[in-house]
């Protein structure tokens, strides 16, 4: 029996979307320098910078961190860099849900 005026919550689902990510702020400086002309062409053509599109900034498993500060990879006791496992964000991106750019 429906109750008039009662709020009914909507079910929450998880729908994984595959995405290929690339280093962002932690792209090696010499490589970033060599690719700078291509990055400028990319931005002129698509209106987005490489650094805006290299990583997804939302909850995700794996990939590259969406650094808010300078990159700071933790080092394991075995002296190896730890890999990124999980990001949990408090909200969706400013423009709503993340959608991959169409090639």
PDB file of N, CA and C in Angstrom:
ATOM      1  N   UNK A   1       0.844  -1.178   0.000  1.00  0.00           N
ATOM      2  CA  UNK A   1       0.000   0.000   0.000  1.00  0.00           C
ATOM      3  C   UNK A   1       0.882   1.232   0.000  1.00  0.00           C
ATOM      4  N   UNK A   2       0.684   2.118  -0.965  1.00  0.00           N
ATOM      5  CA  UNK A   2       1.478   3.339  -1.063  1.00  0.00           C
ATOM      6  C   UNK A   2       0.998   4.352  -0.037  1.00  0.00           C
ATOM      7  N   UNK A   3       1.964   5.029   0.552  1.00  0.00           N
ATOM      8  CA  UNK A   3       1.652   6.071   1.529  1.00  0.00           C
ATOM      9  C   UNK A   3       1.806   7.411   0.840  1.00  0.00           C
ATOM     10  N   UNK A   4       0.775   8.197   0.850  1.00  0.00           N
ATOM     11  CA  UNK A   4       0.792   9.492   0.191  1.00  0.00           C
ATOM     12  C   UNK A   4       1.807  10.405   0.883  1.00  0.00           C
ATOM     13  N   UNK A   5       2.684  11.027   0.052  1.00  0.00           N
ATOM     14  CA  UNK A   5       3.650  11.985   0.580  1.00  0.00           C
ATOM     15  C   UNK A   5       4.912  11.351   1.158  1.00  0.00           C
ATOM     16  N   UNK A   6       4.989  10.031   1.176  1.00  0.00           N
ATOM     17  CA  UNK A   6       6.177   9.376   1.731  1.00  0.00           C
ATOM     18  C   UNK A   6       7.304   9.389   0.694  1.00  0.00           C
ATOM     19  N   UNK A   7       8.504   9.654   1.164  1.00  0.00           N
ATOM     20  CA  UNK A   7       9.673   9.632   0.286  1.00  0.00           C
ATOM     21  C   UNK A   7      10.165   8.201   0.149  1.00  0.00           C
ATOM     22  N   UNK A   8      10.381   7.779  -1.063  1.00  0.00           N
ATOM     23  CA  UNK A   8      10.887   6.440  -1.328  1.00  0.00           C
ATOM     24  C   UNK A   8      12.275   6.588  -1.941  1.00  0.00           C
ATOM     25  N   UNK A   9      13.249   5.977  -1.313  1.00  0.00           N
ATOM     26  CA  UNK A   9      14.613   6.107  -1.820  1.00  0.00           C
ATOM     27  C   UNK A   9      14.789   5.289  -3.091  1.00  0.00           C
ATOM     28  N   UNK A  10      15.684   5.751  -3.935  1.00  0.00           N
ATOM     29  CA  UNK A  10      16.013   5.063  -5.168  1.00  0.00           C
ATOM     30  C   UNK A  10      17.142   4.077  -4.888  1.00  0.00           C
ATOM     31  N   UNK A  11      17.128   2.917  -5.512  1.00  0.00           N
ATOM     32  CA  UNK A  11      18.215   1.958  -5.286  1.00  0.00           C
ATOM     33  C   UNK A  11      19.532   2.510  -5.825  1.00  0.00           C
ATOM     34  N   UNK A  12      20.616   2.208  -5.150  1.00  0.00           N
ATOM     35  CA  UNK A  12      21.940   2.634  -5.555  1.00  0.00           C
ATOM     36  C   UNK A  12      22.649   1.436  -6.177  1.00  0.00           C
ATOM     37  N   UNK A  13      23.222   1.618  -7.345  1.00  0.00           N
ATOM     38  CA  UNK A  13      23.905   0.520  -8.009  1.00  0.00           C
ATOM     39  C   UNK A  13      25.331   0.929  -8.364  1.00  0.00           C
ATOM     40  N   UNK A  14      26.156  -0.048  -8.590  1.00  0.00           N
ATOM     41  CA  UNK A  14      27.520   0.185  -9.044  1.00  0.00           C
ATOM     42  C   UNK A  14      27.619  -0.369 -10.457  1.00  0.00           C
ATOM     43  N   UNK A  15      28.020   0.467 -11.374  1.00  0.00           N
ATOM     44  CA  UNK A  15      28.165   0.058 -12.759  1.00  0.00           C
ATOM     45  C   UNK A  15      29.597   0.361 -13.192  1.00  0.00           C
ATOM     46  N   UNK A  16      30.485  -0.634 -13.149  1.00  0.00           N
ATOM     47  CA  UNK A  16      31.879  -0.384 -13.511  1.00  0.00           C
ATOM     48  C   UNK A  16      32.028   0.030 -14.978  1.00  0.00           C
ATOM     49  N   UNK A  17      32.920   0.965 -15.207  1.00  0.00           N
ATOM     50  CA  UNK A  17      33.261   1.416 -16.545  1.00  0.00           C
ATOM     51  C   UNK A  17      34.766   1.274 -16.703  1.00  0.00           C
ATOM     52  N   UNK A  18      35.193   0.537 -17.686  1.00  0.00           N
ATOM     53  CA  UNK A  18      36.623   0.381 -17.926  1.00  0.00           C
ATOM     54  C   UNK A  18      37.224   1.642 -18.511  1.00  0.00           C
ATOM     55  N   UNK A  19      38.422   1.993 -18.087  1.00  0.00           N
ATOM     56  CA  UNK A  19      39.116   3.171 -18.610  1.00  0.00           C
ATOM     57  C   UNK A  19      40.616   2.919 -18.558  1.00  0.00           C
ATOM     58  N   UNK A  20      41.311   3.349 -19.591  1.00  0.00           N
ATOM     59  CA  UNK A  20      42.764   3.284 -19.597  1.00  0.00           C
ATOM     60  C   UNK A  20      43.281   4.613 -19.084  1.00  0.00           C
ATOM     61  N   UNK A  21      44.133   4.573 -18.065  1.00  0.00           N
ATOM     62  CA  UNK A  21      44.680   5.794 -17.495  1.00  0.00           C
ATOM     63  C   UNK A  21      46.185   5.865 -17.730  1.00  0.00           C
ATOM     64  N   UNK A  22      46.710   7.068 -17.621  1.00  0.00           N
ATOM     65  CA  UNK A  22      48.128   7.315 -17.833  1.00  0.00           C
ATOM     66  C   UNK A  22      48.665   8.173 -16.697  1.00  0.00           C
ATOM     67  N   UNK A  23      49.980   8.184 -16.503  1.00  0.00           N
ATOM     68  CA  UNK A  23      50.531   9.044 -15.448  1.00  0.00           C
ATOM     69  C   UNK A  23      50.092  10.487 -15.671  1.00  0.00           C
ATOM     70  N   UNK A  24      49.837  11.175 -14.593  1.00  0.00           N
ATOM     71  CA  UNK A  24      49.379  12.552 -14.664  1.00  0.00           C
ATOM     72  C   UNK A  24      50.503  13.449 -14.167  1.00  0.00           C
ATOM     73  N   UNK A  25      50.402  13.944 -12.945  1.00  0.00           N
ATOM     74  CA  UNK A  25      51.447  14.806 -12.379  1.00  0.00           C
ATOM     75  C   UNK A  25      52.759  14.055 -12.216  1.00  0.00           C
ATOM     76  N   UNK A  26      52.706  12.740 -12.147  1.00  0.00           N
ATOM     77  CA  UNK A  26      53.940  11.972 -11.951  1.00  0.00           C
ATOM     78  C   UNK A  26      54.514  11.451 -13.265  1.00  0.00           C
ATOM     79  N   UNK A  27      54.092  12.034 -14.388  1.00  0.00           N
ATOM     80  CA  UNK A  27      54.716  11.729 -15.669  1.00  0.00           C
ATOM     81  C   UNK A  27      56.169  12.195 -15.582  1.00  0.00           C
ATOM     82  N   UNK A  28      57.143  11.337 -15.913  1.00  0.00           N
ATOM     83  CA  UNK A  28      58.547  11.759 -15.810  1.00  0.00           C
ATOM     84  C   UNK A  28      58.791  13.070 -16.574  1.00  0.00           C
ATOM     85  N   UNK A  29      59.517  13.990 -15.959  1.00  0.00           N
ATOM     86  CA  UNK A  29      59.715  15.333 -16.510  1.00  0.00           C
ATOM     87  C   UNK A  29      60.315  15.306 -17.915  1.00  0.00           C
ATOM     88  N   UNK A  30      61.291  14.437 -18.162  1.00  0.00           N
ATOM     89  CA  UNK A  30      61.903  14.392 -19.491  1.00  0.00           C
ATOM     90  C   UNK A  30      60.897  13.925 -20.547  1.00  0.00           C
ATOM     91  N   UNK A  31      60.024  12.988 -20.193  1.00  0.00           N
ATOM     92  CA  UNK A  31      58.994  12.521 -21.121  1.00  0.00           C
ATOM     93  C   UNK A  31      57.957  13.612 -21.357  1.00  0.00           C
ATOM     94  N   UNK A  32      57.537  14.301 -20.305  1.00  0.00           N
ATOM     95  CA  UNK A  32      56.572  15.397 -20.441  1.00  0.00           C
ATOM     96  C   UNK A  32      57.134  16.482 -21.364  1.00  0.00           C
ATOM     97  N   UNK A  33      58.422  16.767 -21.238  1.00  0.00           N
ATOM     98  CA  UNK A  33      59.067  17.769 -22.088  1.00  0.00           C
ATOM     99  C   UNK A  33      59.058  17.328 -23.557  1.00  0.00           C
ATOM    100  N   UNK A  34      59.397  16.060 -23.801  1.00  0.00           N
ATOM    101  CA  UNK A  34      59.433  15.548 -25.170  1.00  0.00           C
ATOM    102  C   UNK A  34      58.043  15.522 -25.804  1.00  0.00           C
ATOM    103  N   UNK A  35      57.009  15.327 -24.985  1.00  0.00           N
ATOM    104  CA  UNK A  35      55.638  15.235 -25.503  1.00  0.00           C
ATOM    105  C   UNK A  35      54.880  16.557 -25.469  1.00  0.00           C
ATOM    106  N   UNK A  36      55.513  17.626 -25.001  1.00  0.00           N
ATOM    107  CA  UNK A  36      54.794  18.892 -24.784  1.00  0.00           C
ATOM    108  C   UNK A  36      54.114  19.404 -26.055  1.00  0.00           C
ATOM    109  N   UNK A  37      54.759  19.290 -27.210  1.00  0.00           N
ATOM    110  CA  UNK A  37      54.137  19.758 -28.460  1.00  0.00           C
ATOM    111  C   UNK A  37      52.880  18.946 -28.769  1.00  0.00           C
ATOM    112  N   UNK A  38      52.944  17.622 -28.557  1.00  0.00           N
ATOM    113  CA  UNK A  38      51.764  16.778 -28.791  1.00  0.00           C
ATOM    114  C   UNK A  38      50.651  17.119 -27.816  1.00  0.00           C
ATOM    115  N   UNK A  39      51.016  17.431 -26.557  1.00  0.00           N
ATOM    116  CA  UNK A  39      50.016  17.815 -25.559  1.00  0.00           C
ATOM    117  C   UNK A  39      49.323  19.110 -25.978  1.00  0.00           C
ATOM    118  N   UNK A  40      50.089  20.060 -26.542  1.00  0.00           N
ATOM    119  CA  UNK A  40      49.497  21.326 -26.986  1.00  0.00           C
ATOM    120  C   UNK A  40      48.554  21.101 -28.158  1.00  0.00           C
ATOM    121  N   UNK A  41      48.921  20.223 -29.095  1.00  0.00           N
ATOM    122  CA  UNK A  41      48.046  19.882 -30.226  1.00  0.00           C
ATOM    123  C   UNK A  41      46.755  19.235 -29.727  1.00  0.00           C
ATOM    124  N   UNK A  42      46.889  18.324 -28.780  1.00  0.00           N
ATOM    125  CA  UNK A  42      45.746  17.631 -28.186  1.00  0.00           C
ATOM    126  C   UNK A  42      44.764  18.650 -27.600  1.00  0.00           C
ATOM    127  N   UNK A  43      45.297  19.598 -26.824  1.00  0.00           N
ATOM    128  CA  UNK A  43      44.434  20.594 -26.184  1.00  0.00           C
ATOM    129  C   UNK A  43      43.781  21.514 -27.212  1.00  0.00           C
ATOM    130  N   UNK A  44      44.537  21.928 -28.227  1.00  0.00           N
ATOM    131  CA  UNK A  44      43.976  22.803 -29.257  1.00  0.00           C
ATOM    132  C   UNK A  44      42.855  22.101 -30.026  1.00  0.00           C
ATOM    133  N   UNK A  45      43.037  20.811 -30.300  1.00  0.00           N
ATOM    134  CA  UNK A  45      42.055  20.055 -31.075  1.00  0.00           C
ATOM    135  C   UNK A  45      40.814  19.693 -30.270  1.00  0.00           C
ATOM    136  N   UNK A  46      41.001  19.259 -29.013  1.00  0.00           N
ATOM    137  CA  UNK A  46      39.885  18.741 -28.227  1.00  0.00           C
ATOM    138  C   UNK A  46      39.372  19.671 -27.135  1.00  0.00           C
ATOM    139  N   UNK A  47      40.157  20.674 -26.773  1.00  0.00           N
ATOM    140  CA  UNK A  47      39.723  21.598 -25.726  1.00  0.00           C
ATOM    141  C   UNK A  47      39.986  21.102 -24.316  1.00  0.00           C
ATOM    142  N   UNK A  48      40.729  19.995 -24.176  1.00  0.00           N
ATOM    143  CA  UNK A  48      41.092  19.440 -22.878  1.00  0.00           C
ATOM    144  C   UNK A  48      42.598  19.254 -22.842  1.00  0.00           C
ATOM    145  N   UNK A  49      43.201  19.502 -21.704  1.00  0.00           N
ATOM    146  CA  UNK A  49      44.637  19.246 -21.600  1.00  0.00           C
ATOM    147  C   UNK A  49      44.869  17.768 -21.294  1.00  0.00           C
ATOM    148  N   UNK A  50      46.052  17.291 -21.637  1.00  0.00           N
ATOM    149  CA  UNK A  50      46.428  15.916 -21.303  1.00  0.00           C
ATOM    150  C   UNK A  50      46.234  15.673 -19.817  1.00  0.00           C
ATOM    151  N   UNK A  51      46.637  16.626 -18.996  1.00  0.00           N
ATOM    152  CA  UNK A  51      46.601  16.445 -17.551  1.00  0.00           C
ATOM    153  C   UNK A  51      45.180  16.379 -17.007  1.00  0.00           C
ATOM    154  N   UNK A  52      44.208  16.950 -17.733  1.00  0.00           N
ATOM    155  CA  UNK A  52      42.798  16.846 -17.334  1.00  0.00           C
ATOM    156  C   UNK A  52      42.216  15.484 -17.680  1.00  0.00           C
ATOM    157  N   UNK A  53      42.788  14.797 -18.657  1.00  0.00           N
ATOM    158  CA  UNK A  53      42.192  13.561 -19.153  1.00  0.00           C
ATOM    159  C   UNK A  53      43.008  12.305 -18.874  1.00  0.00           C
ATOM    160  N   UNK A  54      44.216  12.447 -18.327  1.00  0.00           N
ATOM    161  CA  UNK A  54      45.081  11.277 -18.111  1.00  0.00           C
ATOM    162  C   UNK A  54      44.493  10.312 -17.089  1.00  0.00           C
ATOM    163  N   UNK A  55      43.864  10.837 -16.059  1.00  0.00           N
ATOM    164  CA  UNK A  55      43.287   9.992 -15.014  1.00  0.00           C
ATOM    165  C   UNK A  55      41.835  10.379 -14.758  1.00  0.00           C
ATOM    166  N   UNK A  56      41.072   9.435 -14.241  1.00  0.00           N
ATOM    167  CA  UNK A  56      39.709   9.738 -13.810  1.00  0.00           C
ATOM    168  C   UNK A  56      39.773  10.180 -12.351  1.00  0.00           C
ATOM    169  N   UNK A  57      39.034  11.195 -12.018  1.00  0.00           N
ATOM    170  CA  UNK A  57      39.044  11.712 -10.660  1.00  0.00           C
ATOM    171  C   UNK A  57      37.719  11.308 -10.020  1.00  0.00           C
ATOM    172  N   UNK A  58      37.647  10.077  -9.591  1.00  0.00           N
ATOM    173  CA  UNK A  58      36.445   9.568  -8.932  1.00  0.00           C
ATOM    174  C   UNK A  58      36.786   8.242  -8.274  1.00  0.00           C
ATOM    175  N   UNK A  59      35.834   7.622  -7.646  1.00  0.00           N
ATOM    176  CA  UNK A  59      36.081   6.329  -7.006  1.00  0.00           C
ATOM    177  C   UNK A  59      36.484   5.321  -8.074  1.00  0.00           C
ATOM    178  N   UNK A  60      37.553   4.551  -7.778  1.00  0.00           N
ATOM    179  CA  UNK A  60      38.035   3.588  -8.757  1.00  0.00           C
ATOM    180  C   UNK A  60      38.947   2.572  -8.100  1.00  0.00           C
ATOM    181  N   UNK A  61      39.103   1.463  -8.784  1.00  0.00           N
ATOM    182  CA  UNK A  61      40.033   0.417  -8.373  1.00  0.00           C
ATOM    183  C   UNK A  61      41.195   0.462  -9.348  1.00  0.00           C
ATOM    184  N   UNK A  62      42.406   0.593  -8.828  1.00  0.00           N
ATOM    185  CA  UNK A  62      43.600   0.626  -9.665  1.00  0.00           C
ATOM    186  C   UNK A  62      43.760   1.934 -10.403  1.00  0.00           C
ATOM    187  N   UNK A  63      44.526   1.883 -11.485  1.00  0.00           N
ATOM    188  CA  UNK A  63      44.791   3.074 -12.275  1.00  0.00           C
ATOM    189  C   UNK A  63      45.836   3.958 -11.612  1.00  0.00           C
ATOM    190  N   UNK A  64      45.822   5.214 -11.963  1.00  0.00           N
ATOM    191  CA  UNK A  64      46.746   6.192 -11.390  1.00  0.00           C
ATOM    192  C   UNK A  64      45.989   7.102 -10.450  1.00  0.00           C
ATOM    193  N   UNK A  65      46.621   7.523  -9.369  1.00  0.00           N
ATOM    194  CA  UNK A  65      45.954   8.453  -8.463  1.00  0.00           C
ATOM    195  C   UNK A  65      45.680   9.785  -9.151  1.00  0.00           C
ATOM    196  N   UNK A  66      44.587  10.418  -8.813  1.00  0.00           N
ATOM    197  CA  UNK A  66      44.303  11.782  -9.241  1.00  0.00           C
ATOM    198  C   UNK A  66      44.881  12.702  -8.174  1.00  0.00           C
ATOM    199  N   UNK A  67      46.182  12.926  -8.247  1.00  0.00           N
ATOM    200  CA  UNK A  67      46.882  13.672  -7.187  1.00  0.00           C
ATOM    201  C   UNK A  67      46.289  15.053  -6.971  1.00  0.00           C
ATOM    202  N   UNK A  68      46.077  15.413  -5.713  1.00  0.00           N
ATOM    203  CA  UNK A  68      45.669  16.766  -5.339  1.00  0.00           C
ATOM    204  C   UNK A  68      46.878  17.563  -4.863  1.00  0.00           C
ATOM    205  N   UNK A  69      47.971  16.881  -4.655  1.00  0.00           N
ATOM    206  CA  UNK A  69      49.231  17.488  -4.236  1.00  0.00           C
ATOM    207  C   UNK A  69      50.323  16.870  -5.104  1.00  0.00           C
ATOM    208  N   UNK A  70      51.575  17.246  -4.864  1.00  0.00           N
ATOM    209  CA  UNK A  70      52.660  16.619  -5.620  1.00  0.00           C
ATOM    210  C   UNK A  70      52.617  15.116  -5.396  1.00  0.00           C
ATOM    211  N   UNK A  71      52.934  14.320  -6.421  1.00  0.00           N
ATOM    212  CA  UNK A  71      52.916  12.862  -6.267  1.00  0.00           C
ATOM    213  C   UNK A  71      53.781  12.397  -5.100  1.00  0.00           C
ATOM    214  N   UNK A  72      53.268  11.455  -4.345  1.00  0.00           N
ATOM    215  CA  UNK A  72      53.970  10.947  -3.162  1.00  0.00           C
ATOM    216  C   UNK A  72      53.664   9.464  -3.025  1.00  0.00           C
ATOM    217  N   UNK A  73      54.346   8.642  -3.843  1.00  0.00           N
ATOM    218  CA  UNK A  73      54.121   7.205  -3.803  1.00  0.00           C
ATOM    219  C   UNK A  73      54.730   6.620  -2.543  1.00  0.00           C
ATOM    220  N   UNK A  74      53.979   5.846  -1.759  1.00  0.00           N
ATOM    221  CA  UNK A  74      54.548   5.198  -0.573  1.00  0.00           C
ATOM    222  C   UNK A  74      55.551   4.115  -0.972  1.00  0.00           C
ATOM    223  N   UNK A  75      56.554   3.911  -0.131  1.00  0.00           N
ATOM    224  CA  UNK A  75      57.569   2.886  -0.352  1.00  0.00           C
ATOM    225  C   UNK A  75      57.347   1.764   0.659  1.00  0.00           C
ATOM    226  N   UNK A  76      57.324   0.536   0.166  1.00  0.00           N
ATOM    227  CA  UNK A  76      57.132  -0.651   0.997  1.00  0.00           C
ATOM    228  C   UNK A  76      58.395  -0.942   1.815  1.00  0.00           C
ATOM    229  N   UNK A  77      58.238  -1.766   2.842  1.00  0.00           N
ATOM    230  CA  UNK A  77      59.401  -2.194   3.629  1.00  0.00           C
ATOM    231  C   UNK A  77      60.425  -2.913   2.766  1.00  0.00           C
ATOM    232  N   UNK A  78      59.980  -3.506   1.660  1.00  0.00           N
ATOM    233  CA  UNK A  78      60.890  -4.213   0.754  1.00  0.00           C
ATOM    234  C   UNK A  78      61.605  -3.244  -0.196  1.00  0.00           C
ATOM    235  N   UNK A  79      61.401  -1.950   0.000  1.00  0.00           N
ATOM    236  CA  UNK A  79      62.056  -0.881  -0.759  1.00  0.00           C
ATOM    237  C   UNK A  79      61.537  -0.740  -2.193  1.00  0.00           C
ATOM    238  N   UNK A  80      60.308  -1.197  -2.446  1.00  0.00           N
ATOM    239  CA  UNK A  80      59.678  -1.021  -3.750  1.00  0.00           C
ATOM    240  C   UNK A  80      58.517  -0.047  -3.626  1.00  0.00           C
ATOM    241  N   UNK A  81      58.266   0.692  -4.694  1.00  0.00           N
ATOM    242  CA  UNK A  81      57.134   1.622  -4.702  1.00  0.00           C
ATOM    243  C   UNK A  81      55.837   0.828  -4.669  1.00  0.00           C
ATOM    244  N   UNK A  82      54.911   1.237  -3.814  1.00  0.00           N
ATOM    245  CA  UNK A  82      53.604   0.588  -3.750  1.00  0.00           C
ATOM    246  C   UNK A  82      52.756   1.047  -4.934  1.00  0.00           C
ATOM    247  N   UNK A  83      51.881   0.181  -5.387  1.00  0.00           N
ATOM    248  CA  UNK A  83      50.982   0.502  -6.490  1.00  0.00           C
ATOM    249  C   UNK A  83      49.665   1.046  -5.942  1.00  0.00           C
ATOM    250  N   UNK A  84      49.001   1.843  -6.757  1.00  0.00           N
ATOM    251  CA  UNK A  84      47.709   2.410  -6.368  1.00  0.00           C
ATOM    252  C   UNK A  84      46.653   1.318  -6.394  1.00  0.00           C
ATOM    253  N   UNK A  85      45.916   1.161  -5.330  1.00  0.00           N
ATOM    254  CA  UNK A  85      44.925   0.099  -5.224  1.00  0.00           C
ATOM    255  C   UNK A  85      43.500   0.621  -5.369  1.00  0.00           C
ATOM    256  N   UNK A  86      43.164   1.701  -4.663  1.00  0.00           N
ATOM    257  CA  UNK A  86      41.771   2.116  -4.572  1.00  0.00           C
ATOM    258  C   UNK A  86      41.663   3.603  -4.282  1.00  0.00           C
ATOM    259  N   UNK A  87      40.723   4.268  -4.932  1.00  0.00           N
ATOM    260  CA  UNK A  87      40.373   5.667  -4.621  1.00  0.00           C
ATOM    261  C   UNK A  87      38.895   5.704  -4.279  1.00  0.00           C
ATOM    262  N   UNK A  88      38.568   6.368  -3.201  1.00  0.00           N
ATOM    263  CA  UNK A  88      37.169   6.582  -2.823  1.00  0.00           C
ATOM    264  C   UNK A  88      36.953   8.089  -2.754  1.00  0.00           C
ATOM    265  N   UNK A  89      36.034   8.592  -3.559  1.00  0.00           N
ATOM    266  CA  UNK A  89      35.751  10.021  -3.547  1.00  0.00           C
ATOM    267  C   UNK A  89      34.428  10.279  -2.827  1.00  0.00           C
ATOM    268  N   UNK A  90      34.305  11.467  -2.306  1.00  0.00           N
ATOM    269  CA  UNK A  90      33.103  11.823  -1.549  1.00  0.00           C
ATOM    270  C   UNK A  90      31.966  12.247  -2.463  1.00  0.00           C
ATOM    271  N   UNK A  91      32.280  12.627  -3.698  1.00  0.00           N
ATOM    272  CA  UNK A  91      31.240  13.075  -4.617  1.00  0.00           C
ATOM    273  C   UNK A  91      31.663  12.785  -6.043  1.00  0.00           C
ATOM    274  N   UNK A  92      30.717  12.922  -6.944  1.00  0.00           N
ATOM    275  CA  UNK A  92      30.995  12.763  -8.370  1.00  0.00           C
ATOM    276  C   UNK A  92      31.747  13.996  -8.852  1.00  0.00           C
ATOM    277  N   UNK A  93      32.364  13.924 -10.041  1.00  0.00           N
ATOM    278  CA  UNK A  93      33.018  15.111 -10.610  1.00  0.00           C
ATOM    279  C   UNK A  93      32.031  16.265 -10.741  1.00  0.00           C
ATOM    280  N   UNK A  94      32.541  17.484 -10.844  1.00  0.00           N
ATOM    281  CA  UNK A  94      31.721  18.693 -10.871  1.00  0.00           C
ATOM    282  C   UNK A  94      30.645  18.643 -11.945  1.00  0.00           C
ATOM    283  N   UNK A  95      30.985  18.116 -13.112  1.00  0.00           N
ATOM    284  CA  UNK A  95      30.032  18.101 -14.219  1.00  0.00           C
ATOM    285  C   UNK A  95      29.112  16.883 -14.214  1.00  0.00           C
ATOM    286  N   UNK A  96      29.079  16.132 -13.127  1.00  0.00           N
ATOM    287  CA  UNK A  96      28.225  14.955 -13.069  1.00  0.00           C
ATOM    288  C   UNK A  96      29.052  13.689 -13.207  1.00  0.00           C
ATOM    289  N   UNK A  97      28.463  12.650 -13.709  1.00  0.00           N
ATOM    290  CA  UNK A  97      29.167  11.376 -13.869  1.00  0.00           C
ATOM    291  C   UNK A  97      30.279  11.496 -14.899  1.00  0.00           C
ATOM    292  N   UNK A  98      31.319  10.701 -14.731  1.00  0.00           N
ATOM    293  CA  UNK A  98      32.449  10.705 -15.645  1.00  0.00           C
ATOM    294  C   UNK A  98      32.093   9.942 -16.900  1.00  0.00           C
ATOM    295  N   UNK A  99      32.392  10.520 -18.036  1.00  0.00           N
ATOM    296  CA  UNK A  99      32.204   9.837 -19.314  1.00  0.00           C
ATOM    297  C   UNK A  99      33.521   9.881 -20.067  1.00  0.00           C
ATOM    298  N   UNK A 100      33.946   8.777 -20.678  1.00  0.00           N
ATOM    299  CA  UNK A 100      35.186   8.795 -21.448  1.00  0.00           C
ATOM    300  C   UNK A 100      35.039   9.678 -22.679  1.00  0.00           C
ATOM    301  N   UNK A 101      36.152  10.303 -23.078  1.00  0.00           N
ATOM    302  CA  UNK A 101      36.139  11.101 -24.301  1.00  0.00           C
ATOM    303  C   UNK A 101      36.056  10.174 -25.502  1.00  0.00           C
ATOM    304  N   UNK A 102      35.276  10.524 -26.476  1.00  0.00           N
ATOM    305  CA  UNK A 102      35.165   9.743 -27.695  1.00  0.00           C
ATOM    306  C   UNK A 102      36.373  10.084 -28.553  1.00  0.00           C
ATOM    307  N   UNK A 103      37.004   9.048 -29.126  1.00  0.00           N
ATOM    308  CA  UNK A 103      38.173   9.297 -29.973  1.00  0.00           C
ATOM    309  C   UNK A 103      37.778  10.004 -31.244  1.00  0.00           C
TER     310      UNK A 103
END
